[in-house]
N, C-alpha and C. Protein backbone atom coordinates (compact mmCIF):
# COMPACT_ATOMS: atom_id res chain seq x y z
N UNK A 1 42.54 -31.43 108.79
CA UNK A 1 42.67 -30.29 109.69
C UNK A 1 41.64 -30.41 110.81
N UNK A 2 42.06 -30.18 112.02
CA UNK A 2 41.14 -30.17 113.14
C UNK A 2 40.64 -28.76 113.35
N UNK A 3 39.43 -28.63 113.89
CA UNK A 3 38.81 -27.32 114.05
C UNK A 3 39.68 -26.35 114.82
N UNK A 4 40.38 -26.85 115.84
CA UNK A 4 41.18 -25.94 116.66
C UNK A 4 42.47 -25.50 115.97
N UNK A 5 42.80 -26.09 114.84
CA UNK A 5 44.05 -25.76 114.15
C UNK A 5 43.89 -24.71 113.06
N UNK A 6 42.69 -24.18 112.86
CA UNK A 6 42.51 -23.17 111.83
C UNK A 6 43.21 -21.89 112.26
N UNK A 7 44.11 -21.43 111.44
CA UNK A 7 44.85 -20.19 111.73
C UNK A 7 44.39 -19.09 110.78
N UNK A 8 43.11 -18.78 110.83
CA UNK A 8 42.55 -17.76 109.95
C UNK A 8 42.70 -16.39 110.58
N UNK A 9 42.83 -15.35 109.74
CA UNK A 9 42.85 -13.99 110.29
C UNK A 9 41.55 -13.71 111.05
N UNK A 10 41.65 -12.94 112.11
CA UNK A 10 40.47 -12.61 112.92
C UNK A 10 39.71 -11.45 112.27
N UNK A 11 39.10 -11.76 111.13
CA UNK A 11 38.33 -10.76 110.40
C UNK A 11 37.19 -11.44 109.67
N UNK A 12 36.19 -10.67 109.28
CA UNK A 12 34.98 -11.23 108.67
C UNK A 12 35.20 -11.63 107.21
N UNK A 13 35.84 -10.78 106.43
CA UNK A 13 36.07 -11.05 105.01
C UNK A 13 37.56 -11.27 104.78
N UNK A 14 37.89 -12.39 104.14
CA UNK A 14 39.29 -12.75 103.90
C UNK A 14 39.47 -12.93 102.40
N UNK A 15 40.55 -12.35 101.86
CA UNK A 15 40.82 -12.50 100.43
C UNK A 15 41.64 -13.75 100.17
N UNK A 16 41.61 -14.21 98.93
CA UNK A 16 42.42 -15.36 98.52
C UNK A 16 43.90 -15.06 98.77
N UNK A 17 44.32 -13.83 98.47
CA UNK A 17 45.73 -13.45 98.69
C UNK A 17 46.12 -13.58 100.16
N UNK A 18 45.24 -13.14 101.06
CA UNK A 18 45.54 -13.26 102.49
C UNK A 18 45.66 -14.72 102.90
N UNK A 19 44.80 -15.57 102.37
CA UNK A 19 44.88 -17.00 102.68
C UNK A 19 46.17 -17.60 102.14
N UNK A 20 46.55 -17.22 100.92
CA UNK A 20 47.80 -17.72 100.34
C UNK A 20 49.00 -17.24 101.16
N UNK A 21 48.96 -15.98 101.61
CA UNK A 21 50.07 -15.42 102.38
C UNK A 21 50.31 -16.16 103.70
N UNK A 22 49.25 -16.72 104.29
CA UNK A 22 49.46 -17.45 105.54
C UNK A 22 49.59 -18.96 105.32
N UNK A 23 49.73 -19.36 104.05
CA UNK A 23 50.11 -20.73 103.76
C UNK A 23 49.00 -21.67 103.31
N UNK A 24 47.82 -21.19 103.05
CA UNK A 24 46.74 -22.06 102.59
C UNK A 24 46.82 -22.26 101.08
N UNK A 25 46.70 -23.51 100.65
CA UNK A 25 46.63 -23.81 99.22
C UNK A 25 45.16 -23.75 98.80
N UNK A 26 44.93 -23.76 97.49
CA UNK A 26 43.55 -23.75 96.99
C UNK A 26 42.80 -24.99 97.48
N UNK A 27 43.50 -26.11 97.54
CA UNK A 27 42.89 -27.36 98.03
C UNK A 27 42.44 -27.19 99.49
N UNK A 28 43.30 -26.62 100.33
CA UNK A 28 42.95 -26.42 101.74
C UNK A 28 41.79 -25.43 101.89
N UNK A 29 41.77 -24.41 101.06
CA UNK A 29 40.67 -23.44 101.10
C UNK A 29 39.36 -24.14 100.75
N UNK A 30 39.37 -24.98 99.71
CA UNK A 30 38.16 -25.72 99.33
C UNK A 30 37.69 -26.62 100.47
N UNK A 31 38.63 -27.22 101.18
CA UNK A 31 38.29 -28.07 102.34
C UNK A 31 37.60 -27.24 103.43
N UNK A 32 38.11 -26.02 103.65
CA UNK A 32 37.50 -25.14 104.66
C UNK A 32 36.08 -24.74 104.24
N UNK A 33 35.87 -24.56 102.95
CA UNK A 33 34.52 -24.26 102.45
C UNK A 33 33.61 -25.46 102.68
N UNK A 34 34.11 -26.66 102.37
CA UNK A 34 33.32 -27.89 102.56
C UNK A 34 32.94 -28.09 104.03
N UNK A 35 33.81 -27.66 104.94
CA UNK A 35 33.57 -27.83 106.39
C UNK A 35 32.82 -26.65 107.00
N UNK A 36 32.33 -25.74 106.15
CA UNK A 36 31.59 -24.55 106.61
C UNK A 36 32.40 -23.67 107.56
N UNK A 37 33.69 -23.58 107.31
CA UNK A 37 34.54 -22.65 108.04
C UNK A 37 34.61 -21.35 107.24
N UNK A 38 34.67 -21.49 105.91
CA UNK A 38 34.66 -20.34 105.00
C UNK A 38 33.47 -20.47 104.06
N UNK A 39 32.99 -19.33 103.59
CA UNK A 39 31.93 -19.30 102.57
C UNK A 39 32.44 -18.45 101.42
N UNK A 40 32.41 -19.01 100.22
CA UNK A 40 32.89 -18.28 99.05
C UNK A 40 31.89 -17.19 98.68
N UNK A 41 32.38 -15.95 98.59
CA UNK A 41 31.54 -14.82 98.19
C UNK A 41 31.76 -14.47 96.73
N UNK A 42 33.04 -14.33 96.35
CA UNK A 42 33.43 -14.02 94.98
C UNK A 42 34.67 -14.84 94.65
N UNK A 43 35.20 -14.66 93.45
CA UNK A 43 36.42 -15.38 93.07
C UNK A 43 37.58 -15.05 94.00
N UNK A 44 37.58 -13.87 94.58
CA UNK A 44 38.72 -13.41 95.37
C UNK A 44 38.44 -13.26 96.86
N UNK A 45 37.22 -13.52 97.31
CA UNK A 45 36.88 -13.25 98.71
C UNK A 45 36.05 -14.36 99.34
N UNK A 46 36.32 -14.56 100.62
CA UNK A 46 35.58 -15.53 101.42
C UNK A 46 35.09 -14.88 102.70
N UNK A 47 33.96 -15.37 103.20
CA UNK A 47 33.46 -14.94 104.50
C UNK A 47 33.95 -15.94 105.53
N UNK A 48 34.52 -15.44 106.62
CA UNK A 48 35.00 -16.27 107.72
C UNK A 48 33.81 -16.59 108.63
N UNK A 49 33.29 -17.80 108.56
CA UNK A 49 32.11 -18.18 109.34
C UNK A 49 32.44 -18.42 110.81
N UNK A 50 33.72 -18.47 111.16
CA UNK A 50 34.13 -18.65 112.56
C UNK A 50 34.43 -17.32 113.24
N UNK A 51 34.27 -16.21 112.53
CA UNK A 51 34.58 -14.89 113.08
C UNK A 51 33.69 -14.59 114.28
N UNK A 52 34.31 -14.14 115.38
CA UNK A 52 33.59 -13.92 116.64
C UNK A 52 33.38 -12.44 116.98
N UNK A 53 33.93 -11.52 116.20
CA UNK A 53 33.86 -10.10 116.54
C UNK A 53 32.56 -9.44 116.14
N UNK A 54 32.57 -8.11 116.21
CA UNK A 54 31.40 -7.32 115.81
C UNK A 54 31.14 -7.48 114.32
N UNK A 55 29.87 -7.48 113.97
CA UNK A 55 29.46 -7.64 112.57
C UNK A 55 29.03 -6.29 112.00
N UNK A 56 29.28 -6.09 110.72
CA UNK A 56 28.82 -4.89 110.03
C UNK A 56 28.64 -5.21 108.55
N UNK A 57 27.55 -4.71 107.98
CA UNK A 57 27.33 -4.88 106.54
C UNK A 57 28.44 -4.21 105.74
N UNK A 58 29.04 -3.17 106.30
CA UNK A 58 30.09 -2.43 105.60
C UNK A 58 31.27 -3.33 105.22
N UNK A 59 31.55 -4.37 106.01
CA UNK A 59 32.68 -5.25 105.73
C UNK A 59 32.52 -5.98 104.39
N UNK A 60 31.28 -6.22 103.98
CA UNK A 60 31.03 -6.97 102.75
C UNK A 60 31.32 -6.17 101.49
N UNK A 61 31.32 -4.86 101.59
CA UNK A 61 31.56 -4.02 100.41
C UNK A 61 32.90 -4.36 99.78
N UNK A 62 33.92 -4.54 100.60
CA UNK A 62 35.26 -4.84 100.11
C UNK A 62 35.28 -6.13 99.26
N UNK A 63 34.45 -7.09 99.63
CA UNK A 63 34.42 -8.36 98.90
C UNK A 63 33.82 -8.21 97.51
N UNK A 64 32.74 -7.45 97.40
CA UNK A 64 32.03 -7.34 96.13
C UNK A 64 32.45 -6.15 95.29
N UNK A 65 32.86 -5.08 95.95
CA UNK A 65 33.26 -3.86 95.25
C UNK A 65 34.58 -3.40 95.88
N UNK A 66 35.71 -4.02 95.48
CA UNK A 66 36.99 -3.77 96.17
C UNK A 66 37.38 -2.30 96.30
N UNK A 67 37.05 -1.48 95.31
CA UNK A 67 37.39 -0.05 95.39
C UNK A 67 36.18 0.80 95.74
N UNK A 68 35.14 0.17 96.24
CA UNK A 68 33.92 0.88 96.61
C UNK A 68 34.08 1.66 97.89
N UNK A 69 33.42 2.81 97.94
CA UNK A 69 33.46 3.70 99.11
C UNK A 69 32.03 3.90 99.61
N UNK A 70 31.81 3.65 100.90
CA UNK A 70 30.49 3.87 101.50
C UNK A 70 30.15 5.35 101.35
N UNK A 71 28.96 5.65 100.84
CA UNK A 71 28.61 7.04 100.56
C UNK A 71 27.16 7.34 100.92
N UNK A 72 26.79 8.59 100.72
CA UNK A 72 25.42 9.09 100.84
C UNK A 72 24.74 8.65 102.15
N UNK A 73 23.56 8.04 102.08
CA UNK A 73 22.80 7.74 103.29
C UNK A 73 23.53 6.73 104.17
N UNK A 74 24.19 5.74 103.58
CA UNK A 74 24.93 4.77 104.39
C UNK A 74 26.04 5.44 105.18
N UNK A 75 26.73 6.39 104.56
CA UNK A 75 27.77 7.14 105.27
C UNK A 75 27.14 8.06 106.31
N UNK A 76 26.02 8.68 105.98
CA UNK A 76 25.33 9.57 106.93
C UNK A 76 24.90 8.81 108.17
N UNK A 77 24.43 7.59 108.00
CA UNK A 77 24.05 6.76 109.15
C UNK A 77 25.28 6.45 110.00
N UNK A 78 26.39 6.11 109.35
CA UNK A 78 27.62 5.82 110.09
C UNK A 78 28.07 7.02 110.92
N UNK A 79 28.01 8.22 110.33
CA UNK A 79 28.44 9.45 111.01
C UNK A 79 27.34 10.04 111.90
N UNK A 80 26.23 9.35 112.03
CA UNK A 80 25.08 9.78 112.84
C UNK A 80 24.54 11.14 112.37
N UNK A 81 24.44 11.27 111.06
CA UNK A 81 23.88 12.48 110.44
C UNK A 81 22.46 12.24 109.95
N UNK A 82 21.98 11.02 110.08
CA UNK A 82 20.65 10.69 109.56
C UNK A 82 19.99 9.63 110.43
N UNK A 83 18.68 9.74 110.54
CA UNK A 83 17.90 8.72 111.24
C UNK A 83 17.30 7.71 110.26
N UNK A 84 17.58 7.89 108.98
CA UNK A 84 17.11 6.96 107.94
C UNK A 84 17.69 5.57 108.23
N UNK A 85 16.95 4.54 107.87
CA UNK A 85 17.45 3.18 107.96
C UNK A 85 17.33 2.56 106.57
N UNK A 86 18.37 2.75 105.76
CA UNK A 86 18.29 2.27 104.38
C UNK A 86 18.30 0.75 104.30
N UNK A 87 17.63 0.23 103.28
CA UNK A 87 17.61 -1.21 103.06
C UNK A 87 18.78 -1.66 102.18
N UNK A 88 19.47 -0.68 101.58
CA UNK A 88 20.61 -0.98 100.72
C UNK A 88 21.80 -0.16 101.17
N UNK A 89 23.00 -0.67 100.89
CA UNK A 89 24.22 0.09 101.14
C UNK A 89 24.51 0.96 99.93
N UNK A 90 24.71 2.25 100.15
CA UNK A 90 25.11 3.16 99.07
C UNK A 90 26.62 3.10 98.94
N UNK A 91 27.10 2.78 97.73
CA UNK A 91 28.53 2.61 97.49
C UNK A 91 28.92 3.37 96.23
N UNK A 92 29.96 4.18 96.34
CA UNK A 92 30.47 4.95 95.20
C UNK A 92 31.63 4.20 94.55
N UNK A 93 31.64 4.21 93.22
CA UNK A 93 32.78 3.69 92.47
C UNK A 93 33.07 4.66 91.32
N UNK A 94 34.24 4.50 90.75
CA UNK A 94 34.60 5.30 89.58
C UNK A 94 33.71 4.92 88.40
N UNK A 95 33.42 5.89 87.56
CA UNK A 95 32.59 5.61 86.37
C UNK A 95 33.19 4.53 85.49
N UNK A 96 34.51 4.41 85.50
CA UNK A 96 35.18 3.44 84.63
C UNK A 96 35.26 2.05 85.24
N UNK A 97 34.93 1.89 86.53
CA UNK A 97 35.00 0.58 87.19
C UNK A 97 33.79 -0.27 86.82
N UNK A 98 33.97 -1.57 86.90
CA UNK A 98 32.88 -2.50 86.66
C UNK A 98 32.80 -3.46 87.84
N UNK A 99 31.57 -3.84 88.17
CA UNK A 99 31.32 -4.80 89.24
C UNK A 99 30.64 -6.00 88.60
N UNK A 100 31.20 -7.19 88.82
CA UNK A 100 30.70 -8.37 88.13
C UNK A 100 29.81 -9.26 88.99
N UNK A 101 29.98 -9.21 90.30
CA UNK A 101 29.18 -10.04 91.19
C UNK A 101 28.56 -9.15 92.25
N UNK A 102 27.24 -9.23 92.38
CA UNK A 102 26.55 -8.47 93.42
C UNK A 102 25.87 -9.45 94.37
N UNK A 103 25.90 -9.15 95.66
CA UNK A 103 25.31 -10.08 96.63
C UNK A 103 23.79 -9.95 96.69
N UNK A 104 23.14 -11.02 97.16
CA UNK A 104 21.71 -10.93 97.46
C UNK A 104 21.54 -10.11 98.73
N UNK A 105 22.48 -10.28 99.66
CA UNK A 105 22.47 -9.53 100.90
C UNK A 105 23.91 -9.27 101.33
N UNK A 106 24.28 -8.12 101.80
CA UNK A 106 23.47 -6.92 101.80
C UNK A 106 23.34 -6.37 100.38
N UNK A 107 22.20 -5.78 100.09
CA UNK A 107 22.00 -5.20 98.77
C UNK A 107 22.85 -3.94 98.65
N UNK A 108 23.48 -3.79 97.50
CA UNK A 108 24.38 -2.66 97.27
C UNK A 108 23.83 -1.80 96.14
N UNK A 109 23.71 -0.51 96.40
CA UNK A 109 23.25 0.46 95.42
C UNK A 109 24.47 1.25 94.94
N UNK A 110 24.87 1.07 93.69
CA UNK A 110 26.08 1.70 93.17
C UNK A 110 25.81 3.11 92.65
N UNK A 111 26.73 4.01 92.95
CA UNK A 111 26.73 5.37 92.40
C UNK A 111 28.05 5.53 91.65
N UNK A 112 27.96 5.90 90.39
CA UNK A 112 29.15 6.05 89.55
C UNK A 112 29.61 7.50 89.59
N UNK A 113 30.75 7.74 90.24
CA UNK A 113 31.29 9.09 90.42
C UNK A 113 32.38 9.37 89.40
N UNK A 114 32.51 10.66 89.04
CA UNK A 114 33.66 11.04 88.23
C UNK A 114 34.91 10.99 89.11
N UNK A 115 36.07 11.12 88.50
CA UNK A 115 37.35 10.94 89.20
C UNK A 115 37.49 11.87 90.40
N UNK A 116 37.18 13.14 90.22
CA UNK A 116 37.35 14.12 91.30
C UNK A 116 36.40 13.85 92.46
N UNK A 117 35.13 13.61 92.15
CA UNK A 117 34.14 13.34 93.21
C UNK A 117 34.48 12.04 93.94
N UNK A 118 34.94 11.04 93.22
CA UNK A 118 35.27 9.75 93.84
C UNK A 118 36.46 9.88 94.80
N UNK A 119 37.52 10.54 94.38
CA UNK A 119 38.76 10.56 95.16
C UNK A 119 38.74 11.53 96.35
N UNK A 120 37.82 12.45 96.38
CA UNK A 120 37.78 13.48 97.43
C UNK A 120 37.17 12.93 98.72
N UNK A 121 37.91 13.05 99.83
CA UNK A 121 37.37 12.77 101.16
C UNK A 121 37.28 11.32 101.59
N UNK A 122 38.08 10.43 101.01
CA UNK A 122 38.02 9.01 101.38
C UNK A 122 38.79 8.76 102.68
N UNK A 123 38.16 8.04 103.60
CA UNK A 123 38.81 7.58 104.82
C UNK A 123 38.76 6.06 104.84
N UNK A 124 39.75 5.43 105.47
CA UNK A 124 39.70 3.99 105.71
C UNK A 124 39.47 3.78 107.19
N UNK A 125 38.37 3.14 107.53
CA UNK A 125 38.01 2.87 108.92
C UNK A 125 38.43 1.45 109.25
N UNK A 126 39.17 1.30 110.34
CA UNK A 126 39.58 -0.03 110.79
C UNK A 126 38.85 -0.35 112.09
N UNK A 127 38.16 -1.47 112.09
CA UNK A 127 37.46 -1.97 113.28
C UNK A 127 37.97 -3.38 113.52
N UNK A 128 38.72 -3.57 114.59
CA UNK A 128 39.46 -4.81 114.83
C UNK A 128 40.37 -5.03 113.62
N UNK A 129 40.27 -6.17 112.96
CA UNK A 129 41.08 -6.43 111.76
C UNK A 129 40.30 -6.14 110.49
N UNK A 130 39.06 -5.73 110.62
CA UNK A 130 38.21 -5.43 109.46
C UNK A 130 38.39 -3.98 109.06
N UNK A 131 38.19 -3.71 107.78
CA UNK A 131 38.29 -2.32 107.33
C UNK A 131 37.33 -2.08 106.16
N UNK A 132 36.98 -0.81 106.00
CA UNK A 132 36.16 -0.40 104.86
C UNK A 132 36.46 1.06 104.57
N UNK A 133 36.17 1.47 103.34
CA UNK A 133 36.37 2.86 102.94
C UNK A 133 35.03 3.59 103.01
N UNK A 134 35.10 4.84 103.49
CA UNK A 134 33.90 5.66 103.65
C UNK A 134 34.30 7.11 103.44
N UNK A 135 33.37 7.93 103.00
CA UNK A 135 33.66 9.35 102.86
C UNK A 135 33.55 10.03 104.22
N UNK A 136 34.40 11.05 104.44
CA UNK A 136 34.35 11.79 105.70
C UNK A 136 33.03 12.56 105.79
N UNK A 137 32.75 13.13 106.96
CA UNK A 137 31.46 13.80 107.18
C UNK A 137 31.20 14.92 106.18
N UNK A 138 32.22 15.74 105.93
CA UNK A 138 32.03 16.88 105.04
C UNK A 138 31.71 16.44 103.62
N UNK A 139 32.42 15.44 103.12
CA UNK A 139 32.16 14.93 101.77
C UNK A 139 30.78 14.28 101.70
N UNK A 140 30.39 13.60 102.77
CA UNK A 140 29.06 12.99 102.83
C UNK A 140 27.98 14.05 102.68
N UNK A 141 28.12 15.17 103.39
CA UNK A 141 27.14 16.25 103.30
C UNK A 141 27.08 16.81 101.87
N UNK A 142 28.23 17.07 101.27
CA UNK A 142 28.26 17.62 99.91
C UNK A 142 27.63 16.65 98.92
N UNK A 143 27.91 15.36 99.05
CA UNK A 143 27.30 14.37 98.15
C UNK A 143 25.78 14.30 98.34
N UNK A 144 25.32 14.36 99.58
CA UNK A 144 23.88 14.33 99.83
C UNK A 144 23.20 15.56 99.22
N UNK A 145 23.84 16.72 99.35
CA UNK A 145 23.28 17.92 98.72
C UNK A 145 23.28 17.78 97.19
N UNK A 146 24.33 17.19 96.64
CA UNK A 146 24.42 16.99 95.20
C UNK A 146 23.29 16.08 94.70
N UNK A 147 22.97 15.04 95.46
CA UNK A 147 21.94 14.06 95.07
C UNK A 147 20.61 14.32 95.79
N UNK A 148 20.37 15.54 96.25
CA UNK A 148 19.19 15.86 97.05
C UNK A 148 17.88 15.53 96.34
N UNK A 149 17.82 15.70 95.01
CA UNK A 149 16.59 15.42 94.27
C UNK A 149 16.26 13.92 94.32
N UNK A 150 17.29 13.09 94.23
CA UNK A 150 17.09 11.65 94.24
C UNK A 150 16.82 11.13 95.66
N UNK A 151 17.54 11.69 96.64
CA UNK A 151 17.44 11.20 98.02
C UNK A 151 16.27 11.82 98.78
N UNK A 152 15.91 13.03 98.43
CA UNK A 152 14.85 13.74 99.13
C UNK A 152 15.39 14.98 99.82
N UNK A 153 14.65 16.07 99.69
CA UNK A 153 15.05 17.35 100.28
C UNK A 153 15.13 17.24 101.80
N UNK A 154 14.17 16.54 102.41
CA UNK A 154 14.15 16.41 103.88
C UNK A 154 15.36 15.64 104.39
N UNK A 155 15.79 14.63 103.64
CA UNK A 155 16.98 13.86 104.01
C UNK A 155 18.20 14.77 104.01
N UNK A 156 18.32 15.59 102.96
CA UNK A 156 19.45 16.52 102.86
C UNK A 156 19.42 17.54 103.99
N UNK A 157 18.25 18.06 104.28
CA UNK A 157 18.11 19.05 105.36
C UNK A 157 18.49 18.44 106.70
N UNK A 158 17.97 17.23 106.99
CA UNK A 158 18.28 16.57 108.26
C UNK A 158 19.78 16.34 108.42
N UNK A 159 20.43 15.85 107.36
CA UNK A 159 21.87 15.58 107.43
C UNK A 159 22.65 16.86 107.70
N UNK A 160 22.30 17.94 107.02
CA UNK A 160 23.01 19.20 107.22
C UNK A 160 22.78 19.75 108.62
N UNK A 161 21.55 19.69 109.13
CA UNK A 161 21.26 20.15 110.49
C UNK A 161 22.06 19.33 111.51
N UNK A 162 22.06 18.02 111.35
CA UNK A 162 22.83 17.16 112.27
C UNK A 162 24.32 17.49 112.22
N UNK A 163 24.82 17.73 111.01
CA UNK A 163 26.23 18.08 110.85
C UNK A 163 26.55 19.39 111.56
N UNK A 164 25.72 20.39 111.38
CA UNK A 164 25.96 21.70 111.99
C UNK A 164 25.91 21.63 113.52
N UNK A 165 25.20 20.66 114.07
CA UNK A 165 25.12 20.49 115.53
C UNK A 165 26.30 19.71 116.11
N UNK A 166 27.14 19.15 115.27
CA UNK A 166 28.29 18.36 115.74
C UNK A 166 29.45 19.27 116.12
N UNK A 167 30.15 18.89 117.19
CA UNK A 167 31.34 19.64 117.60
C UNK A 167 32.52 19.35 116.67
N UNK A 168 32.54 18.17 116.07
CA UNK A 168 33.66 17.75 115.23
C UNK A 168 33.55 18.26 113.79
N UNK A 169 32.62 19.15 113.53
CA UNK A 169 32.45 19.64 112.15
C UNK A 169 33.64 20.51 111.74
N UNK A 170 33.85 20.57 110.42
CA UNK A 170 34.93 21.39 109.86
C UNK A 170 34.33 22.19 108.70
N UNK A 171 33.83 23.37 109.01
CA UNK A 171 33.14 24.18 108.00
C UNK A 171 34.06 24.62 106.88
N UNK A 172 35.34 24.85 107.18
CA UNK A 172 36.29 25.22 106.13
C UNK A 172 36.42 24.10 105.10
N UNK A 173 36.51 22.87 105.58
CA UNK A 173 36.61 21.73 104.67
C UNK A 173 35.30 21.56 103.89
N UNK A 174 34.18 21.77 104.56
CA UNK A 174 32.87 21.67 103.90
C UNK A 174 32.79 22.65 102.73
N UNK A 175 33.19 23.90 102.96
CA UNK A 175 33.19 24.92 101.89
C UNK A 175 34.19 24.56 100.79
N UNK A 176 35.35 24.04 101.18
CA UNK A 176 36.36 23.67 100.19
C UNK A 176 35.84 22.56 99.27
N UNK A 177 35.25 21.52 99.87
CA UNK A 177 34.68 20.43 99.07
C UNK A 177 33.58 20.95 98.15
N UNK A 178 32.72 21.81 98.69
CA UNK A 178 31.61 22.36 97.89
C UNK A 178 32.15 23.11 96.68
N UNK A 179 33.20 23.88 96.89
CA UNK A 179 33.79 24.65 95.78
C UNK A 179 34.45 23.71 94.77
N UNK A 180 35.25 22.76 95.25
CA UNK A 180 35.95 21.82 94.36
C UNK A 180 34.99 20.99 93.52
N UNK A 181 33.85 20.63 94.10
CA UNK A 181 32.93 19.71 93.43
C UNK A 181 31.73 20.41 92.78
N UNK A 182 31.76 21.74 92.77
CA UNK A 182 30.72 22.50 92.08
C UNK A 182 29.38 22.54 92.80
N UNK A 183 29.40 22.45 94.12
CA UNK A 183 28.16 22.47 94.89
C UNK A 183 28.08 23.66 95.85
N UNK A 184 28.89 24.69 95.63
CA UNK A 184 28.91 25.81 96.59
C UNK A 184 27.60 26.60 96.58
N UNK A 185 26.95 26.73 95.43
CA UNK A 185 25.70 27.49 95.36
C UNK A 185 24.60 26.81 96.18
N UNK A 186 24.45 25.51 96.03
CA UNK A 186 23.40 24.80 96.78
C UNK A 186 23.73 24.77 98.27
N UNK A 187 25.01 24.64 98.64
CA UNK A 187 25.39 24.68 100.05
C UNK A 187 25.03 26.04 100.65
N UNK A 188 25.37 27.11 99.93
CA UNK A 188 25.07 28.46 100.40
C UNK A 188 23.56 28.65 100.59
N UNK A 189 22.77 28.16 99.64
CA UNK A 189 21.31 28.27 99.73
C UNK A 189 20.78 27.56 100.98
N UNK A 190 21.24 26.33 101.21
CA UNK A 190 20.78 25.57 102.37
C UNK A 190 21.20 26.24 103.67
N UNK A 191 22.44 26.74 103.73
CA UNK A 191 22.92 27.39 104.95
C UNK A 191 22.14 28.67 105.24
N UNK A 192 21.81 29.43 104.20
CA UNK A 192 21.02 30.66 104.39
C UNK A 192 19.64 30.35 104.95
N UNK A 193 19.04 29.27 104.50
CA UNK A 193 17.71 28.89 104.99
C UNK A 193 17.79 28.40 106.43
N UNK A 194 18.84 27.63 106.75
CA UNK A 194 18.93 27.02 108.08
C UNK A 194 19.46 27.96 109.15
N UNK A 195 20.30 28.91 108.77
CA UNK A 195 20.93 29.77 109.79
C UNK A 195 20.26 31.11 109.96
């Protein structure tokens, strides 16, 4: 294969299934790894080393934690609700899920959610051909309030203040999530202090 003949998807992380769907055999994939066109991340995922688009650590979550959802501080940073710069990606998974391979970089901090907390408020963000799952702003706020003792009271306060200053906020959804997930009392307390 010549370098100009690679017909790889224009995305950072490519699955084995995607490679098979466009006609690559396992032998051809191994050749691409040998030529430093692809880098094997897990049994099912490869990094496209020829990718020319925007880079994001969020793209790697899909490779290591296929059903993982960006949450807590990592989601707050994405939604511009926090000035924190975490060294790890916060990722939510179901309590029943297992992760077998974790990367050296980016470091992933797993949070095991129950079924209701996990499924509430998931969005899929598409950037070019890359995609990742993340919780919406309202769910991010409720999760941060839920984990306020672990994350820090100031972090929770900052996120809520930033959220309340946004024009795109949806207070009805925020209250609904708080009620569904058993966090309405703490939300009410924080709102009374801030408002």
